[in-house]
Amino acid sequence: MNALEKFQSIIILVAIIFGLVFGQLSIINNSAGYFIIPFLFLMLFGIFGSISLKDFKRSFSNFKFAKVTLLMNFIWTPLFAYILGAIFLNQHIDIWIGFIMLMVTPCTDWYLIFTDIAKGNLPLSTSILPLNLILQIILLPIYLLLFFGVFGSFDYGILLESILLMVFLPFILAQIARYLFTTMKSLNSFKDNFFSFFESSQIIFLSLAIFCMFASNGYLLVNNLWVILLLLIPMFLFFILNFFIGRLLTNKLNFCYADSVSLSMTTLARNSPIALAIAVIAFPNQPLVALALVIGPLIELPVLAIISQILLFIKRKNFL
């Protein structure tokens, strides 16, 4: 993780503001939309480049942790998110879809920052990352089909195409690059610098994509500020209830403090960049879906910062 990611929430907000301001220039407004997908593609290439296929074996190194994490992330959380959406977002189907896409995709990057801040088990948190990544990609279209297929709110074929283009293609290219750098001696010396650049630049590419999104469609946020207020209650309820469920599970399973922090952050932090990349292509005529995913981190990251401090307070008071 790099220093930029510690200020991700602020950087995203600045990208939105700059996008709204520079979007007033016709030359930027007319051309910015063409750069959204390339920037998101580069961001995902950086994410996938940091993961080796061999890392998937480590995801089960602590079977008890892996089992609880997977149950929380891929069974309980989708159901809970759907219930929250049905209660608070049922009159706004596009926002509901964006909310679900955000909630069913576990984080693959910044959750490590907050795990480290709260003195959690960083190697354990890192070990579950590849499994969380591949499962969310496989299960996301299934969740959307189960929850929204009856509404006819999206084209399932376009959704699959977006996953192939924005997820599997950068993943395959990243793995090919890793293989070439490893097997070709003439390139081996550049491997670390190459992937370090993309890994450290993820937040930059994400922010550029968000800048372009709001430069080309700035009216979205200006005319839909109510979306922020609409998402506040369901997102806060998600974090609060899941935090306490995680605490109960760690106490029942006798997790040490560091492992309990890892469980909390792994099951609370969400992966808006990957979901956003899919939404841009899968829902081209439903921009509020992507807007919900952009707004998500503005709420989520401050909450995770607060939770990390609560966990440190628990550690100091020996409550666990």
Protein backbone atom coordinates (compact mmCIF):
# COMPACT_ATOMS: atom_id res chain seq x y z
CA MET A 1 0.00 0.00 0.00
CA ASN A 2 1.20 3.56 -0.65
CA ALA A 3 0.76 6.93 1.03
CA LEU A 4 -1.74 8.14 -1.59
CA GLU A 5 -4.22 5.42 -0.63
CA LYS A 6 -4.36 6.72 2.95
CA PHE A 7 -6.06 9.81 1.53
CA GLN A 8 -8.21 7.94 -0.98
CA SER A 9 -11.50 9.44 0.20
CA ILE A 10 -10.12 12.98 -0.12
CA ILE A 11 -8.54 12.26 -3.51
CA ILE A 12 -11.83 10.87 -4.86
CA LEU A 13 -13.68 13.96 -3.61
CA VAL A 14 -11.11 16.24 -5.25
CA ALA A 15 -11.43 14.26 -8.51
CA ILE A 16 -15.21 14.79 -8.43
CA ILE A 17 -14.85 18.54 -7.79
CA PHE A 18 -12.22 18.97 -10.53
CA GLY A 19 -14.36 16.94 -12.91
CA LEU A 20 -17.34 19.20 -12.27
CA VAL A 21 -15.25 22.35 -12.72
CA PHE A 22 -13.28 21.36 -15.84
CA GLY A 23 -16.36 19.72 -17.31
CA GLN A 24 -17.62 23.24 -17.98
CA LEU A 25 -15.04 23.45 -20.78
CA SER A 26 -16.62 22.03 -23.91
CA ILE A 27 -13.41 20.40 -25.19
CA ILE A 28 -13.05 18.43 -21.94
CA ASN A 29 -16.76 17.73 -21.59
CA ASN A 30 -16.93 16.27 -25.11
CA SER A 31 -13.81 14.09 -24.88
CA ALA A 32 -13.58 12.99 -21.22
CA GLY A 33 -16.02 10.12 -21.63
CA TYR A 34 -13.66 8.30 -23.98
CA PHE A 35 -11.00 7.95 -21.25
CA ILE A 36 -13.14 6.43 -18.47
CA ILE A 37 -12.76 2.80 -19.56
CA PRO A 38 -9.00 3.00 -20.36
CA PHE A 39 -8.22 4.48 -16.93
CA LEU A 40 -10.34 1.86 -15.17
CA PHE A 41 -8.64 -0.85 -17.25
CA LEU A 42 -5.17 0.36 -16.17
CA MET A 43 -6.30 0.48 -12.54
CA LEU A 44 -7.51 -3.13 -12.67
CA PHE A 45 -4.33 -4.24 -14.42
CA GLY A 46 -2.43 -2.84 -11.43
CA ILE A 47 -4.66 -4.69 -8.96
CA PHE A 48 -4.32 -8.01 -10.77
CA GLY A 49 -0.61 -7.56 -11.40
CA SER A 50 0.05 -7.72 -7.68
CA ILE A 51 -1.58 -11.14 -7.41
CA SER A 52 0.08 -14.39 -8.41
CA LEU A 53 -1.95 -17.49 -9.19
CA LYS A 54 0.12 -19.27 -6.54
CA ASP A 55 -1.34 -16.92 -3.92
CA PHE A 56 -4.72 -18.68 -4.09
CA LYS A 57 -3.30 -21.62 -2.14
CA ARG A 58 -2.55 -19.32 0.80
CA SER A 59 -6.21 -18.31 1.06
CA PHE A 60 -6.94 -21.55 2.90
CA SER A 61 -3.86 -21.44 5.13
CA ASN A 62 -6.14 -20.56 8.05
CA PHE A 63 -9.24 -22.60 7.29
CA LYS A 64 -11.29 -21.26 10.19
CA PHE A 65 -10.66 -17.65 9.19
CA ALA A 66 -11.29 -18.39 5.50
CA LYS A 67 -14.56 -20.19 6.23
CA VAL A 68 -15.98 -17.41 8.42
CA THR A 69 -14.85 -14.70 6.00
CA LEU A 70 -16.40 -16.42 2.98
CA LEU A 71 -19.68 -17.06 4.80
CA MET A 72 -19.87 -13.41 5.85
CA ASN A 73 -18.87 -11.96 2.48
CA PHE A 74 -20.70 -14.20 0.06
CA ILE A 75 -23.78 -15.54 1.87
CA TRP A 76 -24.77 -13.23 4.72
CA THR A 77 -23.70 -9.88 3.20
CA PRO A 78 -25.56 -10.26 -0.15
CA LEU A 79 -28.76 -11.23 1.68
CA PHE A 80 -28.37 -8.43 4.21
CA ALA A 81 -27.59 -5.87 1.49
CA TYR A 82 -30.64 -6.94 -0.50
CA ILE A 83 -32.87 -6.55 2.57
CA LEU A 84 -31.46 -3.09 3.28
CA GLY A 85 -32.02 -2.10 -0.33
CA ALA A 86 -35.56 -3.45 -0.32
CA ILE A 87 -36.33 -1.33 2.74
CA PHE A 88 -34.58 1.93 1.87
CA LEU A 89 -33.98 1.93 -1.90
CA ASN A 90 -36.94 0.10 -3.42
CA GLN A 91 -38.23 3.28 -5.10
CA HIS A 92 -34.86 3.86 -6.79
CA ILE A 93 -33.93 0.68 -8.65
CA ASP A 94 -30.70 2.07 -10.19
CA ILE A 95 -29.37 3.19 -6.81
CA TRP A 96 -30.39 -0.18 -5.38
CA ILE A 97 -28.39 -2.00 -8.09
CA GLY A 98 -25.34 0.18 -7.43
CA PHE A 99 -25.69 -0.42 -3.69
CA ILE A 100 -25.83 -4.20 -4.20
CA MET A 101 -22.82 -4.14 -6.55
CA LEU A 102 -20.87 -2.24 -3.92
CA MET A 103 -21.86 -4.45 -1.00
CA VAL A 104 -21.32 -7.88 -2.60
CA THR A 105 -17.75 -7.13 -3.73
CA PRO A 106 -15.24 -7.44 -0.83
CA CYS A 107 -12.36 -4.98 -0.92
CA THR A 108 -9.05 -6.01 -2.49
CA ASP A 109 -6.89 -3.02 -1.61
CA TRP A 110 -7.56 -0.35 1.01
CA TYR A 111 -8.83 -2.78 3.67
CA LEU A 112 -5.15 -3.65 4.20
CA ILE A 113 -4.44 -0.05 5.21
CA PHE A 114 -7.06 -0.11 7.94
CA THR A 115 -6.01 -3.59 9.04
CA ASP A 116 -2.50 -2.25 9.52
CA ILE A 117 -3.71 0.90 11.33
CA ALA A 118 -5.74 -1.22 13.78
CA LYS A 119 -2.78 -3.60 14.36
CA GLY A 120 -4.46 -6.56 12.69
CA ASN A 121 -2.92 -9.69 11.17
CA LEU A 122 -1.78 -8.25 7.84
CA PRO A 123 -0.41 -11.52 6.34
CA LEU A 124 -3.68 -13.27 7.19
CA SER A 125 -5.73 -10.46 5.61
CA THR A 126 -3.53 -10.54 2.51
CA SER A 127 -3.86 -14.31 2.17
CA ILE A 128 -7.65 -14.14 1.69
CA LEU A 129 -7.44 -11.43 -1.00
CA PRO A 130 -7.10 -13.67 -4.10
CA LEU A 131 -10.04 -15.84 -3.07
CA ASN A 132 -12.24 -12.81 -2.36
CA LEU A 133 -11.27 -11.39 -5.73
CA ILE A 134 -12.10 -14.40 -7.87
CA LEU A 135 -15.32 -15.24 -6.02
CA GLN A 136 -16.74 -11.73 -6.31
CA ILE A 137 -16.11 -11.74 -10.05
CA ILE A 138 -17.84 -15.10 -10.46
CA LEU A 139 -20.74 -14.37 -8.11
CA LEU A 140 -21.55 -10.74 -8.97
CA PRO A 141 -23.62 -11.55 -12.10
CA ILE A 142 -25.36 -14.33 -10.19
CA TYR A 143 -26.37 -11.96 -7.38
CA LEU A 144 -27.66 -9.40 -9.88
CA LEU A 145 -29.63 -12.03 -11.76
CA LEU A 146 -31.17 -13.41 -8.57
CA PHE A 147 -32.00 -10.03 -7.07
CA PHE A 148 -32.92 -7.98 -10.14
CA GLY A 149 -33.51 -10.36 -13.02
CA VAL A 150 -37.24 -10.22 -12.51
CA PHE A 151 -37.18 -6.41 -12.86
CA GLY A 152 -35.54 -6.59 -16.30
CA SER A 153 -33.23 -3.81 -15.13
CA PHE A 154 -30.17 -4.92 -17.06
CA ASP A 155 -28.99 -6.88 -20.07
CA TYR A 156 -27.36 -10.04 -18.74
CA GLY A 157 -25.33 -10.46 -21.92
CA ILE A 158 -23.86 -6.96 -21.64
CA LEU A 159 -23.09 -7.63 -17.98
CA LEU A 160 -21.08 -10.72 -18.89
CA GLU A 161 -19.32 -8.81 -21.68
CA SER A 162 -18.35 -6.06 -19.24
CA ILE A 163 -16.88 -8.63 -16.82
CA LEU A 164 -14.90 -10.25 -19.63
CA LEU A 165 -13.60 -6.89 -20.89
CA MET A 166 -12.97 -5.09 -17.61
CA VAL A 167 -12.03 -7.97 -15.31
CA PHE A 168 -10.87 -11.11 -17.06
CA LEU A 169 -8.92 -9.35 -19.84
CA PRO A 170 -6.76 -7.21 -17.49
CA PHE A 171 -6.38 -10.22 -15.20
CA ILE A 172 -5.12 -12.42 -18.05
CA LEU A 173 -2.82 -9.68 -19.37
CA ALA A 174 -1.42 -9.15 -15.88
CA GLN A 175 -0.70 -12.85 -15.48
CA ILE A 176 0.91 -13.01 -18.94
CA ALA A 177 3.10 -10.04 -17.98
CA ARG A 178 4.10 -11.74 -14.72
CA TYR A 179 4.98 -14.91 -16.63
CA LEU A 180 7.06 -13.05 -19.24
CA PHE A 181 8.94 -11.04 -16.62
CA THR A 182 9.66 -14.22 -14.68
CA THR A 183 10.75 -16.45 -17.58
CA MET A 184 12.63 -13.94 -19.74
CA LYS A 185 15.93 -13.08 -18.05
CA SER A 186 16.30 -9.87 -20.05
CA LEU A 187 13.04 -8.56 -18.53
CA ASN A 188 13.36 -9.98 -15.03
CA SER A 189 15.20 -6.96 -13.66
CA PHE A 190 12.30 -4.69 -14.67
CA LYS A 191 9.60 -6.83 -13.05
CA ASP A 192 9.48 -5.16 -9.64
CA ASN A 193 9.57 -1.62 -11.02
CA PHE A 194 6.93 -2.38 -13.63
CA PHE A 195 4.36 -3.83 -11.23
CA SER A 196 5.26 -1.40 -8.44
CA PHE A 197 4.38 1.46 -10.78
CA PHE A 198 0.93 0.07 -11.60
CA GLU A 199 0.26 -0.97 -8.01
CA SER A 200 1.14 2.44 -6.60
CA SER A 201 -0.78 4.21 -9.37
CA GLN A 202 -4.12 2.47 -8.80
CA ILE A 203 -5.62 5.42 -6.91
CA ILE A 204 -4.36 7.78 -9.64
CA PHE A 205 -6.01 5.81 -12.43
CA LEU A 206 -9.22 5.47 -10.39
CA SER A 207 -9.28 9.21 -9.68
CA LEU A 208 -8.65 10.03 -13.35
CA ALA A 209 -11.56 7.75 -14.32
CA ILE A 210 -13.82 9.49 -11.79
CA PHE A 211 -12.60 12.90 -13.02
CA CYS A 212 -13.52 11.93 -16.58
CA MET A 213 -16.88 10.54 -15.47
CA PHE A 214 -17.91 13.80 -13.81
CA ALA A 215 -16.30 15.98 -16.49
CA SER A 216 -18.49 14.31 -19.09
CA ASN A 217 -21.60 13.87 -16.90
CA GLY A 218 -21.17 16.49 -14.21
CA TYR A 219 -24.89 17.13 -14.03
CA LEU A 220 -25.30 13.69 -12.45
CA LEU A 221 -23.98 14.64 -9.04
CA VAL A 222 -25.22 18.23 -9.13
CA ASN A 223 -28.76 17.11 -9.93
CA ASN A 224 -28.66 14.05 -7.69
CA LEU A 225 -27.14 15.14 -4.39
CA TRP A 226 -30.04 13.34 -2.75
CA VAL A 227 -28.31 10.04 -3.60
CA ILE A 228 -25.73 10.70 -0.88
CA LEU A 229 -28.45 11.12 1.74
CA LEU A 230 -30.32 8.12 0.38
CA LEU A 231 -27.28 5.86 0.81
CA LEU A 232 -26.29 7.07 4.27
CA ILE A 233 -28.76 5.03 6.33
CA PRO A 234 -28.41 1.63 4.58
CA MET A 235 -24.62 1.93 4.46
CA PHE A 236 -24.34 2.90 8.12
CA LEU A 237 -26.64 0.03 9.11
CA PHE A 238 -24.51 -2.35 7.05
CA PHE A 239 -21.29 -1.28 8.78
CA ILE A 240 -22.74 -1.16 12.29
CA LEU A 241 -24.52 -4.53 12.23
CA ASN A 242 -21.72 -6.35 10.40
CA PHE A 243 -19.18 -4.93 12.82
CA PHE A 244 -21.06 -6.35 15.81
CA ILE A 245 -21.67 -9.68 14.06
CA GLY A 246 -17.95 -9.91 13.36
CA ARG A 247 -17.15 -9.17 16.99
CA LEU A 248 -19.56 -11.86 18.19
CA LEU A 249 -18.06 -14.42 15.80
CA THR A 250 -14.48 -13.66 16.80
CA ASN A 251 -15.36 -13.97 20.48
CA LYS A 252 -17.18 -17.25 19.91
CA LEU A 253 -14.33 -18.67 17.81
CA ASN A 254 -11.65 -17.42 20.23
CA PHE A 255 -9.80 -15.34 17.66
CA CYS A 256 -6.88 -13.33 18.97
CA TYR A 257 -7.11 -9.54 18.66
CA ALA A 258 -5.05 -9.34 15.45
CA ASP A 259 -7.16 -12.01 13.72
CA SER A 260 -10.38 -10.35 14.88
CA VAL A 261 -9.27 -7.07 13.26
CA SER A 262 -8.54 -8.91 10.02
CA LEU A 263 -12.02 -10.44 10.03
CA SER A 264 -13.65 -7.06 10.71
CA MET A 265 -11.84 -5.23 7.93
CA THR A 266 -12.16 -8.07 5.42
CA THR A 267 -15.92 -8.26 5.91
CA LEU A 268 -16.60 -4.53 6.17
CA ALA A 269 -14.50 -2.93 3.39
CA ARG A 270 -16.08 -2.99 -0.06
CA ASN A 271 -14.56 -3.02 -3.56
CA SER A 272 -16.11 -0.13 -5.48
CA PRO A 273 -13.39 0.17 -8.20
CA ILE A 274 -14.02 -3.26 -9.71
CA ALA A 275 -17.79 -2.87 -9.43
CA LEU A 276 -17.51 0.60 -10.98
CA ALA A 277 -15.53 -0.72 -13.94
CA ILE A 278 -18.27 -3.28 -14.61
CA ALA A 279 -21.11 -0.80 -14.09
CA VAL A 280 -19.73 1.73 -16.60
CA ILE A 281 -20.15 -0.79 -19.43
CA ALA A 282 -23.02 -2.95 -18.13
CA PHE A 283 -25.32 0.00 -17.35
CA PRO A 284 -24.52 2.69 -19.93
CA ASN A 285 -28.07 4.06 -19.85
CA GLN A 286 -28.38 3.93 -16.06
CA PRO A 287 -25.71 6.40 -14.82
CA LEU A 288 -27.09 6.42 -11.27
CA VAL A 289 -25.72 2.89 -10.84
CA ALA A 290 -22.17 4.17 -11.34
CA LEU A 291 -22.92 7.28 -9.27
CA ALA A 292 -23.85 5.11 -6.28
CA LEU A 293 -20.52 3.29 -6.62
CA VAL A 294 -18.57 6.56 -6.75
CA ILE A 295 -20.35 7.91 -3.68
CA GLY A 296 -19.81 4.66 -1.74
CA PRO A 297 -16.14 5.26 -0.79
CA LEU A 298 -16.92 8.82 0.36
CA ILE A 299 -19.05 7.23 3.08
CA GLU A 300 -17.12 4.01 3.56
CA LEU A 301 -13.55 5.24 4.04
CA PRO A 302 -14.26 7.64 6.94
CA VAL A 303 -16.32 4.89 8.60
CA LEU A 304 -13.45 2.40 8.30
CA ALA A 305 -11.08 4.98 9.79
CA ILE A 306 -13.41 5.35 12.79
CA ILE A 307 -13.77 1.58 13.17
CA SER A 308 -9.99 1.14 13.17
CA GLN A 309 -9.79 3.57 16.10
CA ILE A 310 -12.60 1.74 17.92
CA LEU A 311 -10.68 -1.51 17.53
CA LEU A 312 -7.52 0.10 18.90
CA PHE A 313 -9.54 1.36 21.87
CA ILE A 314 -10.81 -2.19 22.43
CA LYS A 315 -7.22 -3.44 22.33
CA ARG A 316 -6.05 -0.86 24.87
CA LYS A 317 -8.90 -1.69 27.23
CA ASN A 318 -8.35 -5.46 26.80
CA PHE A 319 -12.00 -6.03 25.87
CA LEU A 320 -10.98 -8.94 23.65
